[in-house]
C-alpha cells in the first residue's frame, strides 16, 4: 500500500486505482489550508491508516509553509492527541 501526495490531498489507491483512503486539505488562501475530511474504506479501518495519512498531510502542509484550520472531527482529535504536530494549526 502506497500513500500518494498532492498539494491538497493525501490518498491511497487500491489495485484497481480506486481511492480507498484520503485526507483532503484545500487551500483557503495563500497562507492557509483547511483539513476538510478524512476517509478510510471499511476494509482498512483499524489499521492506523488515517493516522498515517494525517502524518503525510502534515508533511505536505509543513513543507508548503501553510497553517491549517481543521474542520474534520477525526483530524481535530488527532491533532489534540499529537501535540508535536500542532505547530501548523492556525
PDB file of N, CA and C in Angstrom:
ATOM      1  N   UNK A   1       0.848  -1.170   0.000  1.00  0.00           N
ATOM      2  CA  UNK A   1       0.000   0.000   0.000  1.00  0.00           C
ATOM      3  C   UNK A   1       0.896   1.236   0.000  1.00  0.00           C
ATOM      4  N   UNK A   2       0.631   2.163  -0.896  1.00  0.00           N
ATOM      5  CA  UNK A   2       1.465   3.350  -1.037  1.00  0.00           C
ATOM      6  C   UNK A   2       0.632   4.605  -0.860  1.00  0.00           C
ATOM      7  N   UNK A   3       1.152   5.525  -0.091  1.00  0.00           N
ATOM      8  CA  UNK A   3       0.496   6.812   0.110  1.00  0.00           C
ATOM      9  C   UNK A   3       0.974   7.767  -0.977  1.00  0.00           C
ATOM     10  N   UNK A   4       0.031   8.359  -1.691  1.00  0.00           N
ATOM     11  CA  UNK A   4       0.314   9.354  -2.736  1.00  0.00           C
ATOM     12  C   UNK A   4       0.023  10.735  -2.156  1.00  0.00           C
ATOM     13  N   UNK A   5       0.771  11.738  -2.615  1.00  0.00           N
ATOM     14  CA  UNK A   5       0.610  13.094  -2.092  1.00  0.00           C
ATOM     15  C   UNK A   5       0.448  14.092  -3.224  1.00  0.00           C
ATOM     16  N   UNK A   6      -0.449  15.054  -3.018  1.00  0.00           N
ATOM     17  CA  UNK A   6      -0.551  16.228  -3.871  1.00  0.00           C
ATOM     18  C   UNK A   6      -0.521  17.442  -2.940  1.00  0.00           C
ATOM     19  N   UNK A   7      -0.679  18.621  -3.490  1.00  0.00           N
ATOM     20  CA  UNK A   7      -0.670  19.832  -2.655  1.00  0.00           C
ATOM     21  C   UNK A   7      -1.934  19.992  -1.827  1.00  0.00           C
ATOM     22  N   UNK A   8      -3.018  19.272  -2.183  1.00  0.00           N
ATOM     23  CA  UNK A   8      -4.274  19.427  -1.461  1.00  0.00           C
ATOM     24  C   UNK A   8      -4.902  18.114  -1.022  1.00  0.00           C
ATOM     25  N   UNK A   9      -4.161  17.017  -1.175  1.00  0.00           N
ATOM     26  CA  UNK A   9      -4.740  15.727  -0.837  1.00  0.00           C
ATOM     27  C   UNK A   9      -3.638  14.698  -0.637  1.00  0.00           C
ATOM     28  N   UNK A  10      -3.870  13.809   0.330  1.00  0.00           N
ATOM     29  CA  UNK A  10      -3.030  12.637   0.526  1.00  0.00           C
ATOM     30  C   UNK A  10      -3.979  11.458   0.416  1.00  0.00           C
ATOM     31  N   UNK A  11      -3.600  10.439  -0.354  1.00  0.00           N
ATOM     32  CA  UNK A  11      -4.562   9.360  -0.606  1.00  0.00           C
ATOM     33  C   UNK A  11      -3.876   8.025  -0.872  1.00  0.00           C
ATOM     34  N   UNK A  12      -4.697   6.980  -0.844  1.00  0.00           N
ATOM     35  CA  UNK A  12      -4.254   5.620  -1.152  1.00  0.00           C
ATOM     36  C   UNK A  12      -5.192   5.065  -2.210  1.00  0.00           C
ATOM     37  N   UNK A  13      -4.609   4.441  -3.233  1.00  0.00           N
ATOM     38  CA  UNK A  13      -5.383   3.791  -4.287  1.00  0.00           C
ATOM     39  C   UNK A  13      -5.262   2.276  -4.116  1.00  0.00           C
ATOM     40  N   UNK A  14      -6.330   1.558  -4.460  1.00  0.00           N
ATOM     41  CA  UNK A  14      -6.230   0.100  -4.462  1.00  0.00           C
ATOM     42  C   UNK A  14      -5.693  -0.378  -5.800  1.00  0.00           C
ATOM     43  N   UNK A  15      -5.661  -1.686  -6.003  1.00  0.00           N
ATOM     44  CA  UNK A  15      -5.110  -2.249  -7.244  1.00  0.00           C
ATOM     45  C   UNK A  15      -5.875  -1.813  -8.486  1.00  0.00           C
ATOM     46  N   UNK A  16      -7.152  -1.485  -8.334  1.00  0.00           N
ATOM     47  CA  UNK A  16      -7.965  -1.032  -9.471  1.00  0.00           C
ATOM     48  C   UNK A  16      -7.911   0.490  -9.639  1.00  0.00           C
ATOM     49  N   UNK A  17      -6.974   1.149  -8.922  1.00  0.00           N
ATOM     50  CA  UNK A  17      -6.801   2.606  -8.983  1.00  0.00           C
ATOM     51  C   UNK A  17      -7.998   3.375  -8.434  1.00  0.00           C
ATOM     52  N   UNK A  18      -8.736   2.758  -7.526  1.00  0.00           N
ATOM     53  CA  UNK A  18      -9.856   3.416  -6.840  1.00  0.00           C
ATOM     54  C   UNK A  18      -9.336   3.957  -5.508  1.00  0.00           C
ATOM     55  N   UNK A  19      -9.708   5.202  -5.205  1.00  0.00           N
ATOM     56  CA  UNK A  19      -9.305   5.820  -3.954  1.00  0.00           C
ATOM     57  C   UNK A  19      -9.998   5.100  -2.803  1.00  0.00           C
ATOM     58  N   UNK A  20      -9.217   4.604  -1.847  1.00  0.00           N
ATOM     59  CA  UNK A  20      -9.811   3.877  -0.730  1.00  0.00           C
ATOM     60  C   UNK A  20      -9.542   4.551   0.614  1.00  0.00           C
ATOM     61  N   UNK A  21      -8.747   5.603   0.607  1.00  0.00           N
ATOM     62  CA  UNK A  21      -8.496   6.377   1.819  1.00  0.00           C
ATOM     63  C   UNK A  21      -7.904   7.728   1.409  1.00  0.00           C
ATOM     64  N   UNK A  22      -8.275   8.780   2.157  1.00  0.00           N
ATOM     65  CA  UNK A  22      -7.724  10.102   1.834  1.00  0.00           C
ATOM     66  C   UNK A  22      -7.888  11.082   2.975  1.00  0.00           C
ATOM     67  N   UNK A  23      -7.085  12.139   2.911  1.00  0.00           N
ATOM     68  CA  UNK A  23      -7.250  13.346   3.714  1.00  0.00           C
ATOM     69  C   UNK A  23      -7.277  14.482   2.701  1.00  0.00           C
ATOM     70  N   UNK A  24      -8.301  15.303   2.776  1.00  0.00           N
ATOM     71  CA  UNK A  24      -8.493  16.407   1.839  1.00  0.00           C
ATOM     72  C   UNK A  24      -8.222  17.719   2.562  1.00  0.00           C
ATOM     73  N   UNK A  25      -7.308  18.548   1.994  1.00  0.00           N
ATOM     74  CA  UNK A  25      -6.945  19.818   2.638  1.00  0.00           C
ATOM     75  C   UNK A  25      -6.713  20.927   1.609  1.00  0.00           C
ATOM     76  N   UNK A  26      -7.780  21.424   0.986  1.00  0.00           N
ATOM     77  CA  UNK A  26      -7.635  22.501   0.000  1.00  0.00           C
ATOM     78  C   UNK A  26      -7.164  23.807   0.655  1.00  0.00           C
ATOM     79  N   UNK A  27      -6.512  24.634  -0.156  1.00  0.00           N
ATOM     80  CA  UNK A  27      -6.066  25.939   0.321  1.00  0.00           C
ATOM     81  C   UNK A  27      -7.255  26.881   0.449  1.00  0.00           C
ATOM     82  N   UNK A  28      -7.256  27.616   1.534  1.00  0.00           N
ATOM     83  CA  UNK A  28      -8.254  28.651   1.767  1.00  0.00           C
ATOM     84  C   UNK A  28      -7.753  29.975   1.192  1.00  0.00           C
ATOM     85  N   UNK A  29      -6.463  30.235   1.395  1.00  0.00           N
ATOM     86  CA  UNK A  29      -5.792  31.402   0.840  1.00  0.00           C
ATOM     87  C   UNK A  29      -4.310  31.058   0.723  1.00  0.00           C
ATOM     88  N   UNK A  30      -3.462  32.019   0.468  1.00  0.00           N
ATOM     89  CA  UNK A  30      -2.043  31.750   0.226  1.00  0.00           C
ATOM     90  C   UNK A  30      -1.298  31.200   1.446  1.00  0.00           C
ATOM     91  N   UNK A  31      -1.810  31.445   2.643  1.00  0.00           N
ATOM     92  CA  UNK A  31      -1.135  31.003   3.855  1.00  0.00           C
ATOM     93  C   UNK A  31      -1.869  29.901   4.619  1.00  0.00           C
ATOM     94  N   UNK A  32      -3.075  29.556   4.179  1.00  0.00           N
ATOM     95  CA  UNK A  32      -3.927  28.684   4.980  1.00  0.00           C
ATOM     96  C   UNK A  32      -4.581  27.587   4.160  1.00  0.00           C
ATOM     97  N   UNK A  33      -4.629  26.392   4.749  1.00  0.00           N
ATOM     98  CA  UNK A  33      -5.380  25.270   4.172  1.00  0.00           C
ATOM     99  C   UNK A  33      -6.415  24.824   5.205  1.00  0.00           C
ATOM    100  N   UNK A  34      -7.396  24.081   4.744  1.00  0.00           N
ATOM    101  CA  UNK A  34      -8.454  23.569   5.616  1.00  0.00           C
ATOM    102  C   UNK A  34      -8.476  22.054   5.496  1.00  0.00           C
ATOM    103  N   UNK A  35      -8.290  21.364   6.609  1.00  0.00           N
ATOM    104  CA  UNK A  35      -8.460  19.906   6.576  1.00  0.00           C
ATOM    105  C   UNK A  35      -9.957  19.670   6.651  1.00  0.00           C
ATOM    106  N   UNK A  36     -10.528  19.328   5.498  1.00  0.00           N
ATOM    107  CA  UNK A  36     -11.979  19.185   5.384  1.00  0.00           C
ATOM    108  C   UNK A  36     -12.480  17.808   5.776  1.00  0.00           C
ATOM    109  N   UNK A  37     -11.771  16.764   5.353  1.00  0.00           N
ATOM    110  CA  UNK A  37     -12.280  15.425   5.629  1.00  0.00           C
ATOM    111  C   UNK A  37     -11.177  14.381   5.594  1.00  0.00           C
ATOM    112  N   UNK A  38     -11.431  13.320   6.328  1.00  0.00           N
ATOM    113  CA  UNK A  38     -10.574  12.147   6.350  1.00  0.00           C
ATOM    114  C   UNK A  38     -11.495  10.963   6.098  1.00  0.00           C
ATOM    115  N   UNK A  39     -11.103  10.098   5.171  1.00  0.00           N
ATOM    116  CA  UNK A  39     -11.914   8.918   4.855  1.00  0.00           C
ATOM    117  C   UNK A  39     -11.005   7.701   4.742  1.00  0.00           C
ATOM    118  N   UNK A  40     -11.448   6.604   5.350  1.00  0.00           N
ATOM    119  CA  UNK A  40     -10.767   5.323   5.213  1.00  0.00           C
ATOM    120  C   UNK A  40     -11.835   4.272   4.936  1.00  0.00           C
ATOM    121  N   UNK A  41     -11.664   3.546   3.836  1.00  0.00           N
ATOM    122  CA  UNK A  41     -12.594   2.485   3.475  1.00  0.00           C
ATOM    123  C   UNK A  41     -12.687   1.470   4.621  1.00  0.00           C
ATOM    124  N   UNK A  42     -13.856   0.882   4.784  1.00  0.00           N
ATOM    125  CA  UNK A  42     -14.073  -0.061   5.885  1.00  0.00           C
ATOM    126  C   UNK A  42     -13.105  -1.239   5.850  1.00  0.00           C
ATOM    127  N   UNK A  43     -12.615  -1.600   4.678  1.00  0.00           N
ATOM    128  CA  UNK A  43     -11.673  -2.719   4.568  1.00  0.00           C
ATOM    129  C   UNK A  43     -10.315  -2.407   5.193  1.00  0.00           C
ATOM    130  N   UNK A  44     -10.031  -1.127   5.441  1.00  0.00           N
ATOM    131  CA  UNK A  44      -8.748  -0.705   6.000  1.00  0.00           C
ATOM    132  C   UNK A  44      -8.852  -0.185   7.425  1.00  0.00           C
ATOM    133  N   UNK A  45     -10.045  -0.081   7.949  1.00  0.00           N
ATOM    134  CA  UNK A  45     -10.223   0.517   9.278  1.00  0.00           C
ATOM    135  C   UNK A  45      -9.562  -0.323  10.361  1.00  0.00           C
ATOM    136  N   UNK A  46      -9.062   0.367  11.365  1.00  0.00           N
ATOM    137  CA  UNK A  46      -8.407  -0.297  12.475  1.00  0.00           C
ATOM    138  C   UNK A  46      -6.946  -0.619  12.211  1.00  0.00           C
ATOM    139  N   UNK A  47      -6.404  -0.142  11.109  1.00  0.00           N
ATOM    140  CA  UNK A  47      -5.020  -0.447  10.732  1.00  0.00           C
ATOM    141  C   UNK A  47      -4.099   0.770  10.885  1.00  0.00           C
ATOM    142  N   UNK A  48      -4.610   1.873  11.417  1.00  0.00           N
ATOM    143  CA  UNK A  48      -3.794   3.072  11.592  1.00  0.00           C
ATOM    144  C   UNK A  48      -3.599   3.872  10.316  1.00  0.00           C
ATOM    145  N   UNK A  49      -4.429   3.610   9.320  1.00  0.00           N
ATOM    146  CA  UNK A  49      -4.289   4.283   8.026  1.00  0.00           C
ATOM    147  C   UNK A  49      -4.573   5.782   8.145  1.00  0.00           C
ATOM    148  N   UNK A  50      -5.620   6.161   8.859  1.00  0.00           N
ATOM    149  CA  UNK A  50      -5.952   7.586   8.996  1.00  0.00           C
ATOM    150  C   UNK A  50      -4.807   8.343   9.649  1.00  0.00           C
ATOM    151  N   UNK A  51      -4.192   7.747  10.639  1.00  0.00           N
ATOM    152  CA  UNK A  51      -3.052   8.389  11.289  1.00  0.00           C
ATOM    153  C   UNK A  51      -1.907   8.569  10.305  1.00  0.00           C
ATOM    154  N   UNK A  52      -1.613   7.554   9.508  1.00  0.00           N
ATOM    155  CA  UNK A  52      -0.544   7.655   8.515  1.00  0.00           C
ATOM    156  C   UNK A  52      -0.844   8.744   7.493  1.00  0.00           C
ATOM    157  N   UNK A  53      -2.103   8.836   7.087  1.00  0.00           N
ATOM    158  CA  UNK A  53      -2.494   9.863   6.122  1.00  0.00           C
ATOM    159  C   UNK A  53      -2.340  11.263   6.708  1.00  0.00           C
ATOM    160  N   UNK A  54      -2.735  11.431   7.964  1.00  0.00           N
ATOM    161  CA  UNK A  54      -2.601  12.742   8.596  1.00  0.00           C
ATOM    162  C   UNK A  54      -1.140  13.119   8.803  1.00  0.00           C
ATOM    163  N   UNK A  55      -0.298  12.164   9.115  1.00  0.00           N
ATOM    164  CA  UNK A  55       1.134  12.453   9.232  1.00  0.00           C
ATOM    165  C   UNK A  55       1.692  12.894   7.880  1.00  0.00           C
ATOM    166  N   UNK A  56       1.266  12.231   6.813  1.00  0.00           N
ATOM    167  CA  UNK A  56       1.714  12.614   5.473  1.00  0.00           C
ATOM    168  C   UNK A  56       1.175  13.988   5.088  1.00  0.00           C
ATOM    169  N   UNK A  57      -0.078  14.261   5.446  1.00  0.00           N
ATOM    170  CA  UNK A  57      -0.660  15.576   5.172  1.00  0.00           C
ATOM    171  C   UNK A  57       0.110  16.659   5.929  1.00  0.00           C
ATOM    172  N   UNK A  58       0.465  16.373   7.159  1.00  0.00           N
ATOM    173  CA  UNK A  58       1.260  17.314   7.949  1.00  0.00           C
ATOM    174  C   UNK A  58       2.562  17.648   7.218  1.00  0.00           C
ATOM    175  N   UNK A  59       3.231  16.622   6.706  1.00  0.00           N
ATOM    176  CA  UNK A  59       4.493  16.835   5.996  1.00  0.00           C
ATOM    177  C   UNK A  59       4.307  17.738   4.776  1.00  0.00           C
ATOM    178  N   UNK A  60       3.228  17.507   4.015  1.00  0.00           N
ATOM    179  CA  UNK A  60       2.940  18.330   2.836  1.00  0.00           C
ATOM    180  C   UNK A  60       2.672  19.769   3.256  1.00  0.00           C
ATOM    181  N   UNK A  61       1.832  19.942   4.262  1.00  0.00           N
ATOM    182  CA  UNK A  61       1.448  21.282   4.708  1.00  0.00           C
ATOM    183  C   UNK A  61       2.633  22.030   5.315  1.00  0.00           C
ATOM    184  N   UNK A  62       3.421  21.349   6.103  1.00  0.00           N
ATOM    185  CA  UNK A  62       4.605  21.961   6.723  1.00  0.00           C
ATOM    186  C   UNK A  62       5.601  22.394   5.648  1.00  0.00           C
ATOM    187  N   UNK A  63       5.839  21.523   4.675  1.00  0.00           N
ATOM    188  CA  UNK A  63       6.784  21.848   3.589  1.00  0.00           C
ATOM    189  C   UNK A  63       6.289  23.014   2.740  1.00  0.00           C
ATOM    190  N   UNK A  64       4.969  23.202   2.702  1.00  0.00           N
ATOM    191  CA  UNK A  64       4.380  24.297   1.929  1.00  0.00           C
ATOM    192  C   UNK A  64       4.235  25.574   2.754  1.00  0.00           C
ATOM    193  N   UNK A  65       4.684  25.531   4.005  1.00  0.00           N
ATOM    194  CA  UNK A  65       4.574  26.669   4.925  1.00  0.00           C
ATOM    195  C   UNK A  65       3.149  27.158   5.094  1.00  0.00           C
ATOM    196  N   UNK A  66       2.211  26.216   5.155  1.00  0.00           N
ATOM    197  CA  UNK A  66       0.802  26.558   5.339  1.00  0.00           C
ATOM    198  C   UNK A  66       0.369  26.324   6.776  1.00  0.00           C
ATOM    199  N   UNK A  67      -0.478  27.201   7.269  1.00  0.00           N
ATOM    200  CA  UNK A  67      -1.150  26.990   8.544  1.00  0.00           C
ATOM    201  C   UNK A  67      -2.480  26.300   8.233  1.00  0.00           C
ATOM    202  N   UNK A  68      -3.053  25.650   9.235  1.00  0.00           N
ATOM    203  CA  UNK A  68      -4.213  24.800   8.994  1.00  0.00           C
ATOM    204  C   UNK A  68      -5.372  25.123   9.924  1.00  0.00           C
ATOM    205  N   UNK A  69      -6.546  25.147   9.336  1.00  0.00           N
ATOM    206  CA  UNK A  69      -7.808  25.179  10.069  1.00  0.00           C
ATOM    207  C   UNK A  69      -8.394  23.782   9.906  1.00  0.00           C
ATOM    208  N   UNK A  70      -8.851  23.196  10.995  1.00  0.00           N
ATOM    209  CA  UNK A  70      -9.341  21.816  10.940  1.00  0.00           C
ATOM    210  C   UNK A  70     -10.863  21.791  11.056  1.00  0.00           C
ATOM    211  N   UNK A  71     -11.522  21.224  10.034  1.00  0.00           N
ATOM    212  CA  UNK A  71     -12.973  21.053  10.045  1.00  0.00           C
ATOM    213  C   UNK A  71     -13.381  19.596  10.198  1.00  0.00           C
ATOM    214  N   UNK A  72     -12.441  18.699  10.115  1.00  0.00           N
ATOM    215  CA  UNK A  72     -12.685  17.254  10.200  1.00  0.00           C
ATOM    216  C   UNK A  72     -12.588  16.815  11.663  1.00  0.00           C
ATOM    217  N   UNK A  73     -13.621  16.138  12.164  1.00  0.00           N
ATOM    218  CA  UNK A  73     -13.634  15.739  13.579  1.00  0.00           C
ATOM    219  C   UNK A  73     -12.522  14.746  13.906  1.00  0.00           C
ATOM    220  N   UNK A  74     -12.219  13.830  12.994  1.00  0.00           N
ATOM    221  CA  UNK A  74     -11.126  12.889  13.257  1.00  0.00           C
ATOM    222  C   UNK A  74      -9.797  13.637  13.349  1.00  0.00           C
ATOM    223  N   UNK A  75      -9.559  14.549  12.421  1.00  0.00           N
ATOM    224  CA  UNK A  75      -8.307  15.313  12.425  1.00  0.00           C
ATOM    225  C   UNK A  75      -8.200  16.178  13.683  1.00  0.00           C
ATOM    226  N   UNK A  76      -9.310  16.737  14.151  1.00  0.00           N
ATOM    227  CA  UNK A  76      -9.295  17.522  15.392  1.00  0.00           C
ATOM    228  C   UNK A  76      -8.779  16.676  16.548  1.00  0.00           C
ATOM    229  N   UNK A  77      -9.322  15.464  16.682  1.00  0.00           N
ATOM    230  CA  UNK A  77      -8.892  14.558  17.757  1.00  0.00           C
ATOM    231  C   UNK A  77      -7.428  14.162  17.574  1.00  0.00           C
ATOM    232  N   UNK A  78      -7.021  13.926  16.329  1.00  0.00           N
ATOM    233  CA  UNK A  78      -5.651  13.526  16.058  1.00  0.00           C
ATOM    234  C   UNK A  78      -4.670  14.617  16.482  1.00  0.00           C
ATOM    235  N   UNK A  79      -4.947  15.862  16.108  1.00  0.00           N
ATOM    236  CA  UNK A  79      -4.069  16.957  16.498  1.00  0.00           C
ATOM    237  C   UNK A  79      -4.058  17.135  18.019  1.00  0.00           C
ATOM    238  N   UNK A  80      -5.210  16.987  18.646  1.00  0.00           N
ATOM    239  CA  UNK A  80      -5.292  17.102  20.103  1.00  0.00           C
ATOM    240  C   UNK A  80      -4.415  16.049  20.778  1.00  0.00           C
ATOM    241  N   UNK A  81      -4.399  14.838  20.234  1.00  0.00           N
ATOM    242  CA  UNK A  81      -3.637  13.732  20.816  1.00  0.00           C
ATOM    243  C   UNK A  81      -2.174  13.686  20.362  1.00  0.00           C
ATOM    244  N   UNK A  82      -1.788  14.540  19.427  1.00  0.00           N
ATOM    245  CA  UNK A  82      -0.424  14.555  18.895  1.00  0.00           C
ATOM    246  C   UNK A  82       0.133  15.980  18.907  1.00  0.00           C
ATOM    247  N   UNK A  83       0.477  16.486  20.078  1.00  0.00           N
ATOM    248  CA  UNK A  83       0.906  17.878  20.200  1.00  0.00           C
ATOM    249  C   UNK A  83       2.098  18.271  19.329  1.00  0.00           C
ATOM    250  N   UNK A  84       2.972  17.326  18.987  1.00  0.00           N
ATOM    251  CA  UNK A  84       4.150  17.696  18.196  1.00  0.00           C
ATOM    252  C   UNK A  84       3.799  18.147  16.786  1.00  0.00           C
ATOM    253  N   UNK A  85       2.565  17.902  16.350  1.00  0.00           N
ATOM    254  CA  UNK A  85       2.119  18.318  15.021  1.00  0.00           C
ATOM    255  C   UNK A  85       1.284  19.614  15.067  1.00  0.00           C
ATOM    256  N   UNK A  86       1.069  20.155  16.234  1.00  0.00           N
ATOM    257  CA  UNK A  86       0.183  21.317  16.371  1.00  0.00           C
ATOM    258  C   UNK A  86       0.803  22.630  15.905  1.00  0.00           C
ATOM    259  N   UNK A  87       2.067  22.616  15.537  1.00  0.00           N
ATOM    260  CA  UNK A  87       2.721  23.864  15.122  1.00  0.00           C
ATOM    261  C   UNK A  87       2.145  24.431  13.822  1.00  0.00           C
ATOM    262  N   UNK A  88       1.405  23.625  13.049  1.00  0.00           N
ATOM    263  CA  UNK A  88       0.820  24.152  11.813  1.00  0.00           C
ATOM    264  C   UNK A  88      -0.617  24.635  11.999  1.00  0.00           C
ATOM    265  N   UNK A  89      -1.160  24.452  13.206  1.00  0.00           N
ATOM    266  CA  UNK A  89      -2.549  24.875  13.435  1.00  0.00           C
ATOM    267  C   UNK A  89      -2.652  26.392  13.496  1.00  0.00           C
ATOM    268  N   UNK A  90      -3.731  26.893  12.929  1.00  0.00           N
ATOM    269  CA  UNK A  90      -3.975  28.341  12.931  1.00  0.00           C
ATOM    270  C   UNK A  90      -4.918  28.672  14.053  1.00  0.00           C
TER     271      UNK A  90
END
